[in-house]
Amino acid sequence: MNQDRKNSITAYRGLVRGIVQGVFFRAETQKQAHQLGIKGWVRNVPDGSVEFLICGDANNVEAMCRWLNQGPPRARVDAVDLQAVEIDTMPAGFEITR
């Protein structure tokens, strides 16, 4: 990976589909984000999916995306839909929102 990509800020918004509610997905996502230095948020969606915004160093965001495709042990991830986004202001932390 080149140096420019390594130091750039990357942001994705997306949805995780599958058995991802009622299995501590949001709490474990927050824990993983804190470990990787990821900023953003995660929340449940009425259709049973989980929506997220992740921002940070490109390498750490890639690691977070890999984790989201697996999720915590009780989850069953069927799909992760990602969309690259531009952000004006980096979130201060990583929150579980409603």
PDB file of N, CA and C in Angstrom:
ATOM      1  N   MET A   1       0.837  -1.164   0.000  1.00  0.00           N
ATOM      2  CA  MET A   1       0.000   0.000   0.000  1.00  0.00           C
ATOM      3  C   MET A   1       0.889   1.236   0.000  1.00  0.00           C
ATOM      4  N   ASN A   2       0.556   2.220  -0.815  1.00  0.00           N
ATOM      5  CA  ASN A   2       1.433   3.384  -0.887  1.00  0.00           C
ATOM      6  C   ASN A   2       1.250   4.293   0.323  1.00  0.00           C
ATOM      7  N   GLN A   3       2.203   5.175   0.541  1.00  0.00           N
ATOM      8  CA  GLN A   3       2.217   6.028   1.726  1.00  0.00           C
ATOM      9  C   GLN A   3       1.022   6.970   1.760  1.00  0.00           C
ATOM     10  N   ASP A   4       0.583   7.518   0.599  1.00  0.00           N
ATOM     11  CA  ASP A   4      -0.559   8.426   0.579  1.00  0.00           C
ATOM     12  C   ASP A   4      -1.806   7.737   1.115  1.00  0.00           C
ATOM     13  N   ARG A   5      -2.060   6.515   0.671  1.00  0.00           N
ATOM     14  CA  ARG A   5      -3.239   5.786   1.131  1.00  0.00           C
ATOM     15  C   ARG A   5      -3.124   5.442   2.613  1.00  0.00           C
ATOM     16  N   LYS A   6      -1.930   5.109   3.049  1.00  0.00           N
ATOM     17  CA  LYS A   6      -1.725   4.736   4.438  1.00  0.00           C
ATOM     18  C   LYS A   6      -2.096   5.864   5.392  1.00  0.00           C
ATOM     19  N   ASN A   7      -1.833   7.117   5.017  1.00  0.00           N
ATOM     20  CA  ASN A   7      -2.067   8.249   5.900  1.00  0.00           C
ATOM     21  C   ASN A   7      -3.375   8.984   5.627  1.00  0.00           C
ATOM     22  N   SER A   8      -4.170   8.545   4.683  1.00  0.00           N
ATOM     23  CA  SER A   8      -5.389   9.250   4.332  1.00  0.00           C
ATOM     24  C   SER A   8      -6.540   8.874   5.271  1.00  0.00           C
ATOM     25  N   ILE A   9      -7.514   9.760   5.334  1.00  0.00           N
ATOM     26  CA  ILE A   9      -8.728   9.482   6.092  1.00  0.00           C
ATOM     27  C   ILE A   9      -9.731   8.853   5.124  1.00  0.00           C
ATOM     28  N   THR A  10     -10.286   7.746   5.540  1.00  0.00           N
ATOM     29  CA  THR A  10     -11.265   7.019   4.747  1.00  0.00           C
ATOM     30  C   THR A  10     -12.566   6.983   5.533  1.00  0.00           C
ATOM     31  N   ALA A  11     -13.687   7.104   4.828  1.00  0.00           N
ATOM     32  CA  ALA A  11     -14.991   7.048   5.493  1.00  0.00           C
ATOM     33  C   ALA A  11     -15.956   6.215   4.655  1.00  0.00           C
ATOM     34  N   TYR A  12     -16.687   5.360   5.340  1.00  0.00           N
ATOM     35  CA  TYR A  12     -17.728   4.547   4.710  1.00  0.00           C
ATOM     36  C   TYR A  12     -18.985   4.619   5.543  1.00  0.00           C
ATOM     37  N   ARG A  13     -20.101   4.623   4.850  1.00  0.00           N
ATOM     38  CA  ARG A  13     -21.403   4.454   5.485  1.00  0.00           C
ATOM     39  C   ARG A  13     -21.958   3.167   4.917  1.00  0.00           C
ATOM     40  N   GLY A  14     -22.674   2.405   5.733  1.00  0.00           N
ATOM     41  CA  GLY A  14     -23.182   1.158   5.205  1.00  0.00           C
ATOM     42  C   GLY A  14     -24.185   0.463   6.097  1.00  0.00           C
ATOM     43  N   LEU A  15     -24.587  -0.720   5.622  1.00  0.00           N
ATOM     44  CA  LEU A  15     -25.540  -1.570   6.318  1.00  0.00           C
ATOM     45  C   LEU A  15     -24.970  -2.969   6.438  1.00  0.00           C
ATOM     46  N   VAL A  16     -25.207  -3.586   7.588  1.00  0.00           N
ATOM     47  CA  VAL A  16     -24.866  -4.990   7.789  1.00  0.00           C
ATOM     48  C   VAL A  16     -26.195  -5.736   7.865  1.00  0.00           C
ATOM     49  N   ARG A  17     -26.343  -6.760   7.025  1.00  0.00           N
ATOM     50  CA  ARG A  17     -27.583  -7.536   6.976  1.00  0.00           C
ATOM     51  C   ARG A  17     -27.329  -8.951   7.472  1.00  0.00           C
ATOM     52  N   GLY A  18     -28.348  -9.532   8.058  1.00  0.00           N
ATOM     53  CA  GLY A  18     -28.262 -10.892   8.579  1.00  0.00           C
ATOM     54  C   GLY A  18     -28.857 -10.934   9.965  1.00  0.00           C
ATOM     55  N   ILE A  19     -28.361 -11.801  10.811  1.00  0.00           N
ATOM     56  CA  ILE A  19     -28.772 -11.836  12.216  1.00  0.00           C
ATOM     57  C   ILE A  19     -27.795 -10.945  12.966  1.00  0.00           C
ATOM     58  N   VAL A  20     -28.163  -9.667  13.044  1.00  0.00           N
ATOM     59  CA  VAL A  20     -27.246  -8.669  13.590  1.00  0.00           C
ATOM     60  C   VAL A  20     -27.879  -7.811  14.675  1.00  0.00           C
ATOM     61  N   GLN A  21     -29.105  -8.094  15.045  1.00  0.00           N
ATOM     62  CA  GLN A  21     -29.737  -7.406  16.172  1.00  0.00           C
ATOM     63  C   GLN A  21     -30.007  -8.442  17.256  1.00  0.00           C
ATOM     64  N   GLY A  22     -29.834  -8.028  18.498  1.00  0.00           N
ATOM     65  CA  GLY A  22     -30.045  -8.933  19.622  1.00  0.00           C
ATOM     66  C   GLY A  22     -28.871  -9.866  19.871  1.00  0.00           C
ATOM     67  N   VAL A  23     -27.725  -9.573  19.255  1.00  0.00           N
ATOM     68  CA  VAL A  23     -26.529 -10.422  19.397  1.00  0.00           C
ATOM     69  C   VAL A  23     -25.306  -9.582  19.792  1.00  0.00           C
ATOM     70  N   PHE A  24     -25.565  -8.414  20.371  1.00  0.00           N
ATOM     71  CA  PHE A  24     -24.509  -7.494  20.833  1.00  0.00           C
ATOM     72  C   PHE A  24     -23.662  -6.934  19.689  1.00  0.00           C
ATOM     73  N   PHE A  25     -24.246  -6.861  18.497  1.00  0.00           N
ATOM     74  CA  PHE A  25     -23.489  -6.374  17.341  1.00  0.00           C
ATOM     75  C   PHE A  25     -23.032  -4.937  17.535  1.00  0.00           C
ATOM     76  N   ARG A  26     -23.924  -4.060  18.004  1.00  0.00           N
ATOM     77  CA  ARG A  26     -23.545  -2.648  18.165  1.00  0.00           C
ATOM     78  C   ARG A  26     -22.460  -2.473  19.221  1.00  0.00           C
ATOM     79  N   ALA A  27     -22.620  -3.125  20.352  1.00  0.00           N
ATOM     80  CA  ALA A  27     -21.623  -2.995  21.430  1.00  0.00           C
ATOM     81  C   ALA A  27     -20.271  -3.539  20.995  1.00  0.00           C
ATOM     82  N   GLU A  28     -20.269  -4.669  20.308  1.00  0.00           N
ATOM     83  CA  GLU A  28     -19.008  -5.248  19.842  1.00  0.00           C
ATOM     84  C   GLU A  28     -18.393  -4.412  18.724  1.00  0.00           C
ATOM     85  N   THR A  29     -19.237  -3.790  17.895  1.00  0.00           N
ATOM     86  CA  THR A  29     -18.733  -2.888  16.851  1.00  0.00           C
ATOM     87  C   THR A  29     -18.048  -1.688  17.495  1.00  0.00           C
ATOM     88  N   GLN A  30     -18.671  -1.137  18.532  1.00  0.00           N
ATOM     89  CA  GLN A  30     -18.070  -0.012  19.242  1.00  0.00           C
ATOM     90  C   GLN A  30     -16.733  -0.416  19.867  1.00  0.00           C
ATOM     91  N   LYS A  31     -16.689  -1.577  20.479  1.00  0.00           N
ATOM     92  CA  LYS A  31     -15.448  -2.068  21.091  1.00  0.00           C
ATOM     93  C   LYS A  31     -14.345  -2.219  20.039  1.00  0.00           C
ATOM     94  N   GLN A  32     -14.681  -2.816  18.900  1.00  0.00           N
ATOM     95  CA  GLN A  32     -13.705  -3.004  17.824  1.00  0.00           C
ATOM     96  C   GLN A  32     -13.244  -1.657  17.273  1.00  0.00           C
ATOM     97  N   ALA A  33     -14.184  -0.719  17.122  1.00  0.00           N
ATOM     98  CA  ALA A  33     -13.839   0.611  16.624  1.00  0.00           C
ATOM     99  C   ALA A  33     -12.855   1.306  17.566  1.00  0.00           C
ATOM    100  N   HIS A  34     -13.105   1.208  18.853  1.00  0.00           N
ATOM    101  CA  HIS A  34     -12.190   1.821  19.827  1.00  0.00           C
ATOM    102  C   HIS A  34     -10.798   1.200  19.726  1.00  0.00           C
ATOM    103  N   GLN A  35     -10.726  -0.112  19.564  1.00  0.00           N
ATOM    104  CA  GLN A  35      -9.428  -0.781  19.447  1.00  0.00           C
ATOM    105  C   GLN A  35      -8.660  -0.330  18.212  1.00  0.00           C
ATOM    106  N   LEU A  36      -9.385  -0.030  17.138  1.00  0.00           N
ATOM    107  CA  LEU A  36      -8.748   0.370  15.875  1.00  0.00           C
ATOM    108  C   LEU A  36      -8.617   1.886  15.710  1.00  0.00           C
ATOM    109  N   GLY A  37      -9.133   2.657  16.651  1.00  0.00           N
ATOM    110  CA  GLY A  37      -9.082   4.108  16.514  1.00  0.00           C
ATOM    111  C   GLY A  37     -10.050   4.638  15.472  1.00  0.00           C
ATOM    112  N   ILE A  38     -11.148   3.924  15.249  1.00  0.00           N
ATOM    113  CA  ILE A  38     -12.160   4.317  14.268  1.00  0.00           C
ATOM    114  C   ILE A  38     -13.150   5.272  14.922  1.00  0.00           C
ATOM    115  N   LYS A  39     -13.562   6.291  14.189  1.00  0.00           N
ATOM    116  CA  LYS A  39     -14.580   7.239  14.636  1.00  0.00           C
ATOM    117  C   LYS A  39     -15.862   6.973  13.855  1.00  0.00           C
ATOM    118  N   GLY A  40     -17.003   7.354  14.437  1.00  0.00           N
ATOM    119  CA  GLY A  40     -18.267   7.203  13.731  1.00  0.00           C
ATOM    120  C   GLY A  40     -19.396   6.795  14.644  1.00  0.00           C
ATOM    121  N   TRP A  41     -20.305   5.966  14.116  1.00  0.00           N
ATOM    122  CA  TRP A  41     -21.465   5.538  14.885  1.00  0.00           C
ATOM    123  C   TRP A  41     -22.017   4.239  14.312  1.00  0.00           C
ATOM    124  N   VAL A  42     -22.894   3.616  15.105  1.00  0.00           N
ATOM    125  CA  VAL A  42     -23.589   2.395  14.703  1.00  0.00           C
ATOM    126  C   VAL A  42     -24.984   2.445  15.308  1.00  0.00           C
ATOM    127  N   ARG A  43     -25.983   1.942  14.568  1.00  0.00           N
ATOM    128  CA  ARG A  43     -27.355   1.927  15.092  1.00  0.00           C
ATOM    129  C   ARG A  43     -28.178   0.832  14.431  1.00  0.00           C
ATOM    130  N   ASN A  44     -29.204   0.382  15.154  1.00  0.00           N
ATOM    131  CA  ASN A  44     -30.148  -0.573  14.605  1.00  0.00           C
ATOM    132  C   ASN A  44     -31.080   0.135  13.630  1.00  0.00           C
ATOM    133  N   VAL A  45     -31.535  -0.611  12.630  1.00  0.00           N
ATOM    134  CA  VAL A  45     -32.490  -0.114  11.647  1.00  0.00           C
ATOM    135  C   VAL A  45     -33.753  -0.972  11.788  1.00  0.00           C
ATOM    136  N   PRO A  46     -34.946  -0.381  11.624  1.00  0.00           N
ATOM    137  CA  PRO A  46     -36.181  -1.140  11.822  1.00  0.00           C
ATOM    138  C   PRO A  46     -36.294  -2.431  10.995  1.00  0.00           C
ATOM    139  N   ASP A  47     -35.618  -2.512   9.849  1.00  0.00           N
ATOM    140  CA  ASP A  47     -35.721  -3.726   9.025  1.00  0.00           C
ATOM    141  C   ASP A  47     -34.872  -4.886   9.548  1.00  0.00           C
ATOM    142  N   GLY A  48     -34.185  -4.689  10.691  1.00  0.00           N
ATOM    143  CA  GLY A  48     -33.373  -5.758  11.273  1.00  0.00           C
ATOM    144  C   GLY A  48     -31.896  -5.670  10.950  1.00  0.00           C
ATOM    145  N   SER A  49     -31.509  -4.730  10.108  1.00  0.00           N
ATOM    146  CA  SER A  49     -30.095  -4.548   9.781  1.00  0.00           C
ATOM    147  C   SER A  49     -29.466  -3.566  10.765  1.00  0.00           C
ATOM    148  N   VAL A  50     -28.169  -3.364  10.624  1.00  0.00           N
ATOM    149  CA  VAL A  50     -27.422  -2.412  11.432  1.00  0.00           C
ATOM    150  C   VAL A  50     -26.738  -1.440  10.477  1.00  0.00           C
ATOM    151  N   GLU A  51     -26.908  -0.147  10.732  1.00  0.00           N
ATOM    152  CA  GLU A  51     -26.314   0.906   9.910  1.00  0.00           C
ATOM    153  C   GLU A  51     -25.099   1.466  10.631  1.00  0.00           C
ATOM    154  N   PHE A  52     -24.100   1.919   9.881  1.00  0.00           N
ATOM    155  CA  PHE A  52     -22.881   2.438  10.504  1.00  0.00           C
ATOM    156  C   PHE A  52     -22.235   3.522   9.656  1.00  0.00           C
ATOM    157  N   LEU A  53     -21.406   4.308  10.314  1.00  0.00           N
ATOM    158  CA  LEU A  53     -20.469   5.234   9.683  1.00  0.00           C
ATOM    159  C   LEU A  53     -19.132   4.956  10.337  1.00  0.00           C
ATOM    160  N   ILE A  54     -18.122   4.670   9.537  1.00  0.00           N
ATOM    161  CA  ILE A  54     -16.773   4.450  10.062  1.00  0.00           C
ATOM    162  C   ILE A  54     -15.805   5.385   9.348  1.00  0.00           C
ATOM    163  N   CYS A  55     -14.943   6.027  10.132  1.00  0.00           N
ATOM    164  CA  CYS A  55     -13.982   6.990   9.603  1.00  0.00           C
ATOM    165  C   CYS A  55     -12.636   6.776  10.281  1.00  0.00           C
ATOM    166  N   GLY A  56     -11.572   6.936   9.522  1.00  0.00           N
ATOM    167  CA  GLY A  56     -10.248   6.854  10.110  1.00  0.00           C
ATOM    168  C   GLY A  56      -9.180   6.575   9.089  1.00  0.00           C
ATOM    169  N   ASP A  57      -8.038   6.179   9.591  1.00  0.00           N
ATOM    170  CA  ASP A  57      -6.910   5.788   8.759  1.00  0.00           C
ATOM    171  C   ASP A  57      -7.344   4.658   7.837  1.00  0.00           C
ATOM    172  N   ALA A  58      -6.932   4.717   6.576  1.00  0.00           N
ATOM    173  CA  ALA A  58      -7.367   3.736   5.579  1.00  0.00           C
ATOM    174  C   ALA A  58      -7.101   2.299   6.011  1.00  0.00           C
ATOM    175  N   ASN A  59      -5.945   2.025   6.578  1.00  0.00           N
ATOM    176  CA  ASN A  59      -5.628   0.652   6.993  1.00  0.00           C
ATOM    177  C   ASN A  59      -6.556   0.179   8.101  1.00  0.00           C
ATOM    178  N   ASN A  60      -6.843   1.053   9.059  1.00  0.00           N
ATOM    179  CA  ASN A  60      -7.721   0.675  10.166  1.00  0.00           C
ATOM    180  C   ASN A  60      -9.166   0.531   9.703  1.00  0.00           C
ATOM    181  N   VAL A  61      -9.601   1.375   8.777  1.00  0.00           N
ATOM    182  CA  VAL A  61     -10.953   1.251   8.231  1.00  0.00           C
ATOM    183  C   VAL A  61     -11.084  -0.072   7.467  1.00  0.00           C
ATOM    184  N   GLU A  62     -10.059  -0.461   6.730  1.00  0.00           N
ATOM    185  CA  GLU A  62     -10.084  -1.754   6.040  1.00  0.00           C
ATOM    186  C   GLU A  62     -10.204  -2.899   7.038  1.00  0.00           C
ATOM    187  N   ALA A  63      -9.473  -2.807   8.157  1.00  0.00           N
ATOM    188  CA  ALA A  63      -9.563  -3.836   9.202  1.00  0.00           C
ATOM    189  C   ALA A  63     -10.965  -3.856   9.805  1.00  0.00           C
ATOM    190  N   MET A  64     -11.562  -2.694   9.998  1.00  0.00           N
ATOM    191  CA  MET A  64     -12.922  -2.621  10.533  1.00  0.00           C
ATOM    192  C   MET A  64     -13.915  -3.237   9.560  1.00  0.00           C
ATOM    193  N   CYS A  65     -13.738  -3.002   8.279  1.00  0.00           N
ATOM    194  CA  CYS A  65     -14.617  -3.598   7.262  1.00  0.00           C
ATOM    195  C   CYS A  65     -14.519  -5.123   7.294  1.00  0.00           C
ATOM    196  N   ARG A  66     -13.320  -5.641   7.453  1.00  0.00           N
ATOM    197  CA  ARG A  66     -13.161  -7.105   7.558  1.00  0.00           C
ATOM    198  C   ARG A  66     -13.901  -7.620   8.782  1.00  0.00           C
ATOM    199  N   TRP A  67     -13.784  -6.898   9.901  1.00  0.00           N
ATOM    200  CA  TRP A  67     -14.480  -7.319  11.109  1.00  0.00           C
ATOM    201  C   TRP A  67     -15.994  -7.276  10.914  1.00  0.00           C
ATOM    202  N   LEU A  68     -16.506  -6.208  10.282  1.00  0.00           N
ATOM    203  CA  LEU A  68     -17.950  -6.088  10.051  1.00  0.00           C
ATOM    204  C   LEU A  68     -18.480  -7.248   9.216  1.00  0.00           C
ATOM    205  N   ASN A  69     -17.682  -7.772   8.325  1.00  0.00           N
ATOM    206  CA  ASN A  69     -18.109  -8.910   7.501  1.00  0.00           C
ATOM    207  C   ASN A  69     -18.201 -10.199   8.306  1.00  0.00           C
ATOM    208  N   GLN A  70     -17.613 -10.219   9.468  1.00  0.00           N
ATOM    209  CA  GLN A  70     -17.660 -11.389  10.348  1.00  0.00           C
ATOM    210  C   GLN A  70     -18.586 -11.136  11.530  1.00  0.00           C
ATOM    211  N   GLY A  71     -18.417  -9.997  12.188  1.00  0.00           N
ATOM    212  CA  GLY A  71     -19.224  -9.638  13.343  1.00  0.00           C
ATOM    213  C   GLY A  71     -18.862 -10.444  14.576  1.00  0.00           C
ATOM    214  N   PRO A  72     -19.608 -10.215  15.659  1.00  0.00           N
ATOM    215  CA  PRO A  72     -19.356 -10.949  16.893  1.00  0.00           C
ATOM    216  C   PRO A  72     -19.814 -12.402  16.775  1.00  0.00           C
ATOM    217  N   PRO A  73     -19.419 -13.247  17.720  1.00  0.00           N
ATOM    218  CA  PRO A  73     -19.689 -14.681  17.614  1.00  0.00           C
ATOM    219  C   PRO A  73     -21.153 -15.076  17.405  1.00  0.00           C
ATOM    220  N   ARG A  74     -22.109 -14.381  18.030  1.00  0.00           N
ATOM    221  CA  ARG A  74     -23.514 -14.782  17.921  1.00  0.00           C
ATOM    222  C   ARG A  74     -24.196 -14.250  16.662  1.00  0.00           C
ATOM    223  N   ALA A  75     -23.526 -13.390  15.930  1.00  0.00           N
ATOM    224  CA  ALA A  75     -24.113 -12.812  14.716  1.00  0.00           C
ATOM    225  C   ALA A  75     -23.931 -13.736  13.521  1.00  0.00           C
ATOM    226  N   ARG A  76     -24.807 -13.541  12.532  1.00  0.00           N
ATOM    227  CA  ARG A  76     -24.620 -14.175  11.228  1.00  0.00           C
ATOM    228  C   ARG A  76     -24.725 -13.057  10.198  1.00  0.00           C
ATOM    229  N   VAL A  77     -23.596 -12.686   9.640  1.00  0.00           N
ATOM    230  CA  VAL A  77     -23.556 -11.602   8.656  1.00  0.00           C
ATOM    231  C   VAL A  77     -23.788 -12.201   7.274  1.00  0.00           C
ATOM    232  N   ASP A  78     -24.861 -11.742   6.623  1.00  0.00           N
ATOM    233  CA  ASP A  78     -25.164 -12.191   5.264  1.00  0.00           C
ATOM    234  C   ASP A  78     -24.559 -11.258   4.225  1.00  0.00           C
ATOM    235  N   ALA A  79     -24.517  -9.965   4.516  1.00  0.00           N
ATOM    236  CA  ALA A  79     -23.977  -8.995   3.551  1.00  0.00           C
ATOM    237  C   ALA A  79     -23.615  -7.709   4.272  1.00  0.00           C
ATOM    238  N   VAL A  80     -22.600  -7.044   3.742  1.00  0.00           N
ATOM    239  CA  VAL A  80     -22.236  -5.700   4.195  1.00  0.00           C
ATOM    240  C   VAL A  80     -22.233  -4.819   2.957  1.00  0.00           C
ATOM    241  N   ASP A  81     -23.106  -3.826   2.964  1.00  0.00           N
ATOM    242  CA  ASP A  81     -23.182  -2.869   1.865  1.00  0.00           C
ATOM    243  C   ASP A  81     -22.417  -1.626   2.274  1.00  0.00           C
ATOM    244  N   LEU A  82     -21.409  -1.262   1.504  1.00  0.00           N
ATOM    245  CA  LEU A  82     -20.557  -0.106   1.807  1.00  0.00           C
ATOM    246  C   LEU A  82     -20.714   0.970   0.746  1.00  0.00           C
ATOM    247  N   GLN A  83     -20.669   2.214   1.191  1.00  0.00           N
ATOM    248  CA  GLN A  83     -20.622   3.338   0.267  1.00  0.00           C
ATOM    249  C   GLN A  83     -19.594   4.321   0.793  1.00  0.00           C
ATOM    250  N   ALA A  84     -18.583   4.612  -0.014  1.00  0.00           N
ATOM    251  CA  ALA A  84     -17.592   5.614   0.380  1.00  0.00           C
ATOM    252  C   ALA A  84     -18.284   6.965   0.474  1.00  0.00           C
ATOM    253  N   VAL A  85     -17.961   7.714   1.524  1.00  0.00           N
ATOM    254  CA  VAL A  85     -18.547   9.036   1.721  1.00  0.00           C
ATOM    255  C   VAL A  85     -17.450  10.028   2.052  1.00  0.00           C
ATOM    256  N   GLU A  86     -17.729  11.287   1.752  1.00  0.00           N
ATOM    257  CA  GLU A  86     -16.828  12.355   2.171  1.00  0.00           C
ATOM    258  C   GLU A  86     -17.425  12.977   3.418  1.00  0.00           C
ATOM    259  N   ILE A  87     -16.580  13.263   4.386  1.00  0.00           N
ATOM    260  CA  ILE A  87     -17.062  13.861   5.626  1.00  0.00           C
ATOM    261  C   ILE A  87     -16.439  15.233   5.791  1.00  0.00           C
ATOM    262  N   ASP A  88     -17.226  16.164   6.315  1.00  0.00           N
ATOM    263  CA  ASP A  88     -16.729  17.514   6.572  1.00  0.00           C
ATOM    264  C   ASP A  88     -16.011  17.581   7.909  1.00  0.00           C
ATOM    265  N   THR A  89     -16.548  16.873   8.887  1.00  0.00           N
ATOM    266  CA  THR A  89     -16.002  16.910  10.239  1.00  0.00           C
ATOM    267  C   THR A  89     -15.871  15.490  10.762  1.00  0.00           C
ATOM    268  N   MET A  90     -14.688  15.161  11.227  1.00  0.00           N
ATOM    269  CA  MET A  90     -14.461  13.838  11.811  1.00  0.00           C
ATOM    270  C   MET A  90     -15.226  13.736  13.129  1.00  0.00           C
ATOM    271  N   PRO A  91     -16.032  12.677  13.301  1.00  0.00           N
ATOM    272  CA  PRO A  91     -16.703  12.501  14.600  1.00  0.00           C
ATOM    273  C   PRO A  91     -15.676  12.422  15.723  1.00  0.00           C
ATOM    274  N   ALA A  92     -16.086  12.820  16.920  1.00  0.00           N
ATOM    275  CA  ALA A  92     -15.168  12.865  18.062  1.00  0.00           C
ATOM    276  C   ALA A  92     -14.837  11.472  18.602  1.00  0.00           C
ATOM    277  N   GLY A  93     -15.760  10.540  18.462  1.00  0.00           N
ATOM    278  CA  GLY A  93     -15.558   9.200  19.004  1.00  0.00           C
ATOM    279  C   GLY A  93     -16.346   8.204  18.177  1.00  0.00           C
ATOM    280  N   PHE A  94     -16.713   7.092  18.818  1.00  0.00           N
ATOM    281  CA  PHE A  94     -17.555   6.102  18.151  1.00  0.00           C
ATOM    282  C   PHE A  94     -18.731   5.814  19.060  1.00  0.00           C
ATOM    283  N   GLU A  95     -19.918   6.157  18.592  1.00  0.00           N
ATOM    284  CA  GLU A  95     -21.122   6.102  19.417  1.00  0.00           C
ATOM    285  C   GLU A  95     -22.121   5.056  18.923  1.00  0.00           C
ATOM    286  N   ILE A  96     -22.875   4.527  19.869  1.00  0.00           N
ATOM    287  CA  ILE A  96     -24.064   3.744  19.543  1.00  0.00           C
ATOM    288  C   ILE A  96     -25.213   4.738  19.580  1.00  0.00           C
ATOM    289  N   THR A  97     -25.907   4.898  18.446  1.00  0.00           N
ATOM    290  CA  THR A  97     -26.991   5.883  18.363  1.00  0.00           C
ATOM    291  C   THR A  97     -28.324   5.182  18.158  1.00  0.00           C
ATOM    292  N   ARG A  98     -29.371   5.933  18.219  1.00  0.00           N
ATOM    293  CA  ARG A  98     -30.723   5.400  17.993  1.00  0.00           C
ATOM    294  C   ARG A  98     -31.274   5.934  16.709  1.00  0.00           C
TER     295      ARG A  98
END
